[in-house]
Amino acid sequence: MNKHPVFLNQKFLYIMSVVCVLIITGLACNLPVQDLSSENTSDNPDQIEAAIVETLIAMAPEDQEKEESQDTESNEIESIEITATLTPSITPSPTVTLTPTVEVAQGFISENTNCRIGPGDVYGIIHTFMAGDIVNLVGKDLSETYWFIQDQDQGSINCWLWGKYATPEGNTADLPVFTPPPTPIPVANYTIAYKDTTSGGKHITVTIKNTGDLTLESYSATFKDMVTTETVDQTKNQFDSKDKIPAGKTGLITTSYSFCSDTTGHNIKVFIKICTENNLGGVCVSKTAQFESK
C-alpha cells in the first residue's frame, strides 16, 4: 500500500537525525573526557552504539503505530470519498392524475320519425324529428328497441324514440333502463268528410281519417238520399285507397252501387260503422254524417 506523503517526510527526517547522532558520537569518542566519578559510564564506542540501537528499537513501535494510524485515516478518507461518489441522488417521479372523460351517447336520426310518450305506437306523439337531427340518449327500454331521448336543441323535449330510425353512437351499455309509463287504453276513432260526387251524381265518395290509436280494417256504410229516400249499402274488409287505415292516416269509401238518379244538390246522410278487425270484428265505432252532394 502507498504511504502518505507526510509520513514519508517524517521518516526521512528521523533517519537523518539518527545519522547525525552517530556522526557526532563518533567524533566525541576522540575527545578527552574528564573522569568526574567512578560511576560514569564507560566511553566504549561499542556501548554507545548499542545504546543508540536500543533507542531506535524503543522508538520503532511508536512510529509503526503512527504509520498504521495514518494508513487507517487514509483508508477512511478514500472510503468516504468513494461512498459519496457512488451514492446516486433519487428524484421522485411526479404523480399523474387522469381526468375521466364522460362519454355522451347520441342518436342520429336517419328518417323522419315520431317521438312518443312511451315506447310504442299506442302512445301519443310528442314531437316529430327530421332526418339529420341529433339527440342525446339518456335511457332505454329493456330490449334496447326504444331510446328515451332529450333533444339537444330543445331540452324540454323528452320522449321515447324508435331505434329503427335512430342510430345510437357512444356508450349505450351504461344507460339506465327506464320504466315506461302505463300503456294507454287504445281507442278507435275517426272522422268523416265529403269528398266528391262522380258518374253524373250517382256515386258518392267520403274521406275517412283515423284519429284513434288502432288500425281500421273493415266497415259497413249506408248512404241515403234524403230527397228521394233511396239508399245504397255496402260492407267491405278494405278501403278504396288501401287495405287498412293506420292511426293518423286517411282512406276513402265510395259507394259501390250507383244511385238510380242524380244526387247532385241533394242532402245525403251517411251512416258508417268501422272496426279494427276484418268482418266487422274487434273494436267498432259507428258515426253519422250529413252533407250536400255537389
Protein backbone atom coordinates (compact mmCIF):
# COMPACT_ATOMS: atom_id res chain seq x y z
CA MET A 1 0.00 0.00 0.00
CA ASN A 2 1.30 3.53 -0.80
CA LYS A 3 2.43 5.58 2.17
CA HIS A 4 1.06 9.01 2.88
CA PRO A 5 3.48 11.84 1.78
CA VAL A 6 3.52 13.33 5.29
CA PHE A 7 4.58 10.01 6.78
CA LEU A 8 7.48 9.65 4.27
CA ASN A 9 8.83 13.10 5.14
CA GLN A 10 8.76 12.31 8.86
CA LYS A 11 10.62 9.04 8.35
CA PHE A 12 13.26 10.76 6.25
CA LEU A 13 13.86 13.38 8.96
CA TYR A 14 14.05 10.65 11.57
CA ILE A 15 16.75 8.74 9.64
CA MET A 16 18.77 11.88 9.05
CA SER A 17 18.61 12.70 12.76
CA VAL A 18 19.97 9.26 13.67
CA VAL A 19 22.79 9.61 11.16
CA CYS A 20 23.74 12.98 12.64
CA VAL A 21 23.75 11.50 16.14
CA LEU A 22 26.05 8.69 15.01
CA ILE A 23 28.45 11.13 13.40
CA ILE A 24 28.55 13.36 16.44
CA THR A 25 29.03 10.37 18.70
CA GLY A 26 31.93 9.12 16.61
CA LEU A 27 33.65 12.42 16.83
CA ALA A 28 33.08 12.60 20.52
CA CYS A 29 34.94 9.36 21.06
CA ASN A 30 38.20 11.07 20.13
CA LEU A 31 37.79 13.95 22.59
CA PRO A 32 39.33 13.78 26.05
CA VAL A 33 36.80 13.10 28.75
CA GLN A 34 37.35 14.04 32.39
CA ASP A 35 36.54 11.31 34.87
CA LEU A 36 34.07 13.02 37.18
CA SER A 37 33.05 9.99 39.12
CA SER A 38 33.83 6.42 39.47
CA GLU A 39 30.19 5.64 38.48
CA ASN A 40 30.49 7.31 34.99
CA THR A 41 29.64 5.10 32.07
CA SER A 42 32.49 3.75 30.01
CA ASP A 43 33.18 5.68 26.89
CA ASN A 44 33.50 2.47 24.91
CA PRO A 45 32.18 3.13 21.37
CA ASP A 46 30.54 -0.29 21.29
CA GLN A 47 28.48 0.54 24.31
CA ILE A 48 27.38 3.88 22.84
CA GLU A 49 26.34 2.24 19.55
CA ALA A 50 24.38 -0.39 21.43
CA ALA A 51 22.54 2.32 23.34
CA ILE A 52 21.58 4.06 20.10
CA VAL A 53 20.26 0.84 18.63
CA GLU A 54 18.16 0.21 21.75
CA THR A 55 16.78 3.73 21.44
CA LEU A 56 15.83 3.13 17.81
CA ILE A 57 14.16 -0.15 18.69
CA ALA A 58 12.21 1.51 21.50
CA MET A 59 11.06 4.24 19.17
CA ALA A 60 10.05 1.88 16.33
CA PRO A 61 6.66 0.74 17.78
CA GLU A 62 5.59 4.32 18.18
CA ASP A 63 6.48 5.04 14.55
CA GLN A 64 4.68 1.85 13.44
CA GLU A 65 1.55 2.87 15.35
CA LYS A 66 1.68 6.31 13.68
CA GLU A 67 2.09 4.63 10.30
CA GLU A 68 -0.88 2.29 10.89
CA SER A 69 -2.96 5.20 12.20
CA GLN A 70 -2.15 7.27 9.13
CA ASP A 71 -2.94 4.29 6.85
CA THR A 72 -6.31 3.84 8.60
CA GLU A 73 -7.16 7.53 8.26
CA SER A 74 -6.17 7.42 4.56
CA ASN A 75 -8.40 4.35 4.00
CA GLU A 76 -11.29 6.03 5.80
CA ILE A 77 -10.91 9.19 3.67
CA GLU A 78 -10.81 7.14 0.47
CA SER A 79 -13.84 5.11 1.62
CA ILE A 80 -15.81 8.28 2.40
CA GLU A 81 -14.90 9.79 -0.97
CA ILE A 82 -15.92 6.62 -2.85
CA THR A 83 -19.17 6.32 -0.93
CA ALA A 84 -20.09 9.91 -1.66
CA THR A 85 -19.33 9.39 -5.34
CA LEU A 86 -21.26 6.12 -5.78
CA THR A 87 -24.42 7.09 -3.89
CA PRO A 88 -26.99 8.22 -6.56
CA SER A 89 -29.42 11.04 -5.99
CA ILE A 90 -33.03 9.78 -6.34
CA THR A 91 -35.56 12.20 -7.83
CA PRO A 92 -39.16 11.16 -7.11
CA SER A 93 -41.39 10.77 -10.17
CA PRO A 94 -44.37 13.13 -10.41
CA THR A 95 -47.82 11.68 -9.71
CA VAL A 96 -50.01 11.64 -12.83
CA THR A 97 -53.70 12.36 -12.24
CA LEU A 98 -56.05 11.24 -15.00
CA THR A 99 -59.30 13.13 -15.55
CA PRO A 100 -62.10 10.78 -16.69
CA THR A 101 -63.89 11.69 -19.91
CA VAL A 102 -67.66 11.44 -19.73
CA GLU A 103 -68.96 9.99 -22.97
CA VAL A 104 -72.45 11.07 -24.03
CA ALA A 105 -74.41 8.57 -26.11
CA GLN A 106 -76.23 10.14 -29.04
CA GLY A 107 -78.77 9.09 -31.62
CA PHE A 108 -78.59 10.13 -35.27
CA ILE A 109 -82.00 10.35 -36.97
CA SER A 110 -81.91 8.62 -40.36
CA GLU A 111 -85.55 9.23 -41.38
CA ASN A 112 -88.39 11.45 -40.22
CA THR A 113 -89.82 9.73 -37.15
CA ASN A 114 -92.22 10.37 -34.28
CA CYS A 115 -91.16 10.61 -30.65
CA ARG A 116 -93.86 9.43 -28.24
CA ILE A 117 -94.87 9.49 -24.59
CA GLY A 118 -93.94 5.83 -24.29
CA PRO A 119 -92.10 3.11 -26.22
CA GLY A 120 -94.73 2.12 -28.77
CA ASP A 121 -97.21 3.45 -31.30
CA VAL A 122 -100.04 3.11 -28.77
CA TYR A 123 -98.63 6.20 -27.02
CA GLY A 124 -99.34 9.72 -28.11
CA ILE A 125 -96.91 11.66 -30.29
CA ILE A 126 -94.95 14.50 -28.64
CA HIS A 127 -92.59 15.55 -31.40
CA THR A 128 -91.51 14.58 -34.91
CA PHE A 129 -87.77 14.59 -35.61
CA MET A 130 -86.42 15.15 -39.09
CA ALA A 131 -83.70 13.17 -40.86
CA GLY A 132 -80.29 14.53 -39.86
CA ASP A 133 -81.31 15.58 -36.35
CA ILE A 134 -79.08 14.57 -33.42
CA VAL A 135 -80.48 13.73 -29.98
CA ASN A 136 -78.92 12.77 -26.64
CA LEU A 137 -79.74 9.28 -25.38
CA VAL A 138 -80.42 9.29 -21.64
CA GLY A 139 -82.23 5.97 -21.18
CA LYS A 140 -83.53 2.84 -22.88
CA ASP A 141 -86.14 0.12 -22.60
CA LEU A 142 -85.22 -3.38 -21.52
CA SER A 143 -84.87 -4.69 -25.09
CA GLU A 144 -82.98 -1.60 -26.33
CA THR A 145 -85.63 -1.21 -29.05
CA TYR A 146 -86.63 2.28 -27.91
CA TRP A 147 -84.41 5.08 -26.56
CA PHE A 148 -85.50 7.71 -24.09
CA ILE A 149 -84.04 10.86 -25.54
CA GLN A 150 -83.52 14.54 -24.85
CA ASP A 151 -83.40 16.92 -27.78
CA GLN A 152 -80.08 18.79 -27.53
CA ASP A 153 -81.56 21.82 -29.28
CA GLN A 154 -84.81 21.88 -27.32
CA GLY A 155 -84.02 20.47 -23.89
CA SER A 156 -87.69 20.37 -22.87
CA ILE A 157 -88.44 17.58 -25.35
CA ASN A 158 -88.14 14.24 -23.53
CA CYS A 159 -89.74 11.27 -25.21
CA TRP A 160 -89.32 7.71 -26.50
CA LEU A 161 -87.80 7.21 -29.94
CA TRP A 162 -87.96 4.04 -32.01
CA GLY A 163 -84.46 2.70 -32.62
CA LYS A 164 -85.16 1.79 -36.25
CA TYR A 165 -84.69 5.39 -37.31
CA ALA A 166 -82.29 6.44 -34.52
CA THR A 167 -78.77 5.05 -34.91
CA PRO A 168 -77.03 5.05 -31.50
CA GLU A 169 -73.38 6.05 -31.11
CA GLY A 170 -71.33 6.05 -27.92
CA ASN A 171 -71.60 4.03 -24.73
CA THR A 172 -75.19 2.77 -24.57
CA ALA A 173 -74.38 -0.19 -22.29
CA ASP A 174 -74.31 2.05 -19.20
CA LEU A 175 -77.58 3.84 -19.99
CA PRO A 176 -80.23 3.22 -17.31
CA VAL A 177 -83.27 1.13 -18.16
CA PHE A 178 -86.33 3.35 -17.80
CA THR A 179 -89.75 2.05 -16.84
CA PRO A 180 -92.25 3.18 -19.48
CA PRO A 181 -95.49 4.90 -18.47
CA PRO A 182 -98.62 2.75 -18.19
CA THR A 183 -99.92 1.62 -21.56
CA PRO A 184 -102.89 3.76 -22.51
CA ILE A 185 -106.18 2.07 -23.34
CA PRO A 186 -106.26 2.02 -27.16
CA VAL A 187 -109.08 3.95 -28.74
CA ALA A 188 -110.63 3.55 -32.17
CA ASN A 189 -111.87 6.79 -33.67
CA TYR A 190 -112.22 8.56 -37.00
CA THR A 191 -113.80 11.48 -38.81
CA ILE A 192 -116.00 11.58 -41.95
CA ALA A 193 -115.72 14.29 -44.62
CA TYR A 194 -117.44 14.65 -48.00
CA LYS A 195 -115.00 14.39 -50.92
CA ASP A 196 -116.91 14.44 -54.22
CA THR A 197 -119.72 13.05 -56.41
CA THR A 198 -118.96 11.25 -59.67
CA SER A 199 -120.71 9.46 -62.56
CA GLY A 200 -123.39 12.13 -63.03
CA GLY A 201 -124.10 12.36 -59.33
CA LYS A 202 -124.70 8.62 -58.93
CA HIS A 203 -121.55 7.74 -56.92
CA ILE A 204 -120.52 9.49 -53.71
CA THR A 205 -117.07 9.38 -52.05
CA VAL A 206 -116.20 10.31 -48.46
CA THR A 207 -112.80 10.62 -46.73
CA ILE A 208 -112.13 8.67 -43.53
CA LYS A 209 -109.32 9.94 -41.23
CA ASN A 210 -108.17 7.61 -38.44
CA THR A 211 -107.88 9.81 -35.33
CA GLY A 212 -107.59 6.90 -32.87
CA ASP A 213 -104.77 4.61 -31.72
CA LEU A 214 -105.84 1.44 -33.55
CA THR A 215 -105.71 0.46 -37.20
CA LEU A 216 -109.06 0.43 -39.03
CA GLU A 217 -109.61 -2.70 -41.14
CA SER A 218 -113.30 -3.20 -42.06
CA TYR A 219 -116.51 -1.16 -42.38
CA SER A 220 -120.17 -1.10 -43.28
CA ALA A 221 -121.77 2.02 -44.78
CA THR A 222 -125.30 3.19 -45.71
CA PHE A 223 -125.79 6.24 -47.97
CA LYS A 224 -129.28 7.75 -48.13
CA ASP A 225 -130.55 10.41 -50.49
CA MET A 226 -132.81 12.47 -48.22
CA VAL A 227 -134.70 13.84 -51.27
CA THR A 228 -135.55 10.56 -52.99
CA THR A 229 -135.08 8.35 -49.85
CA GLU A 230 -133.03 5.99 -51.99
CA THR A 231 -130.24 4.12 -50.10
CA VAL A 232 -127.07 2.31 -51.08
CA ASP A 233 -125.50 -0.24 -48.66
CA GLN A 234 -122.13 -1.94 -48.69
CA THR A 235 -119.74 -3.89 -46.38
CA LYS A 236 -116.01 -4.43 -47.03
CA ASN A 237 -112.77 -5.60 -45.42
CA GLN A 238 -110.77 -2.92 -47.18
CA PHE A 239 -110.95 0.73 -48.09
CA ASP A 240 -110.76 2.22 -51.56
CA SER A 241 -107.26 3.74 -51.35
CA LYS A 242 -105.67 1.00 -49.19
CA ASP A 243 -106.46 -2.23 -47.37
CA LYS A 244 -106.24 -0.67 -43.90
CA ILE A 245 -106.08 2.76 -42.38
CA PRO A 246 -103.33 3.03 -39.74
CA ALA A 247 -103.54 5.56 -36.92
CA GLY A 248 -103.13 9.10 -38.23
CA LYS A 249 -103.71 8.10 -41.86
CA THR A 250 -106.67 8.57 -44.21
CA GLY A 251 -108.70 6.33 -46.55
CA LEU A 252 -111.68 6.56 -48.90
CA ILE A 253 -115.13 4.98 -49.02
CA THR A 254 -117.02 5.19 -52.33
CA THR A 255 -120.47 3.78 -52.96
CA SER A 256 -120.06 0.50 -54.86
CA TYR A 257 -123.55 0.70 -56.30
CA SER A 258 -124.81 3.77 -58.05
CA PHE A 259 -127.93 5.69 -57.19
CA CYS A 260 -130.73 5.40 -59.69
CA SER A 261 -130.99 9.15 -60.09
CA ASP A 262 -128.63 12.10 -59.95
CA THR A 263 -127.98 13.13 -56.34
CA THR A 264 -126.37 16.44 -57.19
CA GLY A 265 -127.69 19.16 -54.92
CA HIS A 266 -129.44 16.65 -52.69
CA ASN A 267 -128.89 16.27 -48.97
CA ILE A 268 -127.09 12.97 -48.31
CA LYS A 269 -126.97 11.24 -44.96
CA VAL A 270 -124.37 8.53 -44.33
CA PHE A 271 -124.15 6.01 -41.52
CA ILE A 272 -120.76 4.25 -41.17
CA LYS A 273 -119.54 1.54 -38.81
CA ILE A 274 -115.75 0.94 -38.79
CA CYS A 275 -113.96 -1.87 -36.93
CA THR A 276 -110.35 -2.75 -36.06
CA GLU A 277 -110.53 -6.30 -37.43
CA ASN A 278 -111.87 -7.93 -40.57
CA ASN A 279 -115.52 -8.88 -40.90
CA LEU A 280 -116.52 -6.11 -38.52
CA GLY A 281 -114.58 -7.64 -35.63
CA GLY A 282 -112.56 -6.11 -32.82
CA VAL A 283 -113.32 -2.62 -31.57
CA CYS A 284 -116.01 -0.92 -33.68
CA VAL A 285 -117.10 2.71 -33.79
CA SER A 286 -120.25 3.96 -35.55
CA LYS A 287 -120.82 7.53 -36.74
CA THR A 288 -123.31 9.51 -38.79
CA ALA A 289 -122.56 12.44 -41.10
CA GLN A 290 -124.73 14.61 -43.38
CA PHE A 291 -123.68 16.79 -46.35
CA GLU A 292 -124.82 18.16 -49.69
CA SER A 293 -123.91 16.24 -52.82
CA LYS A 294 -122.18 18.51 -55.35
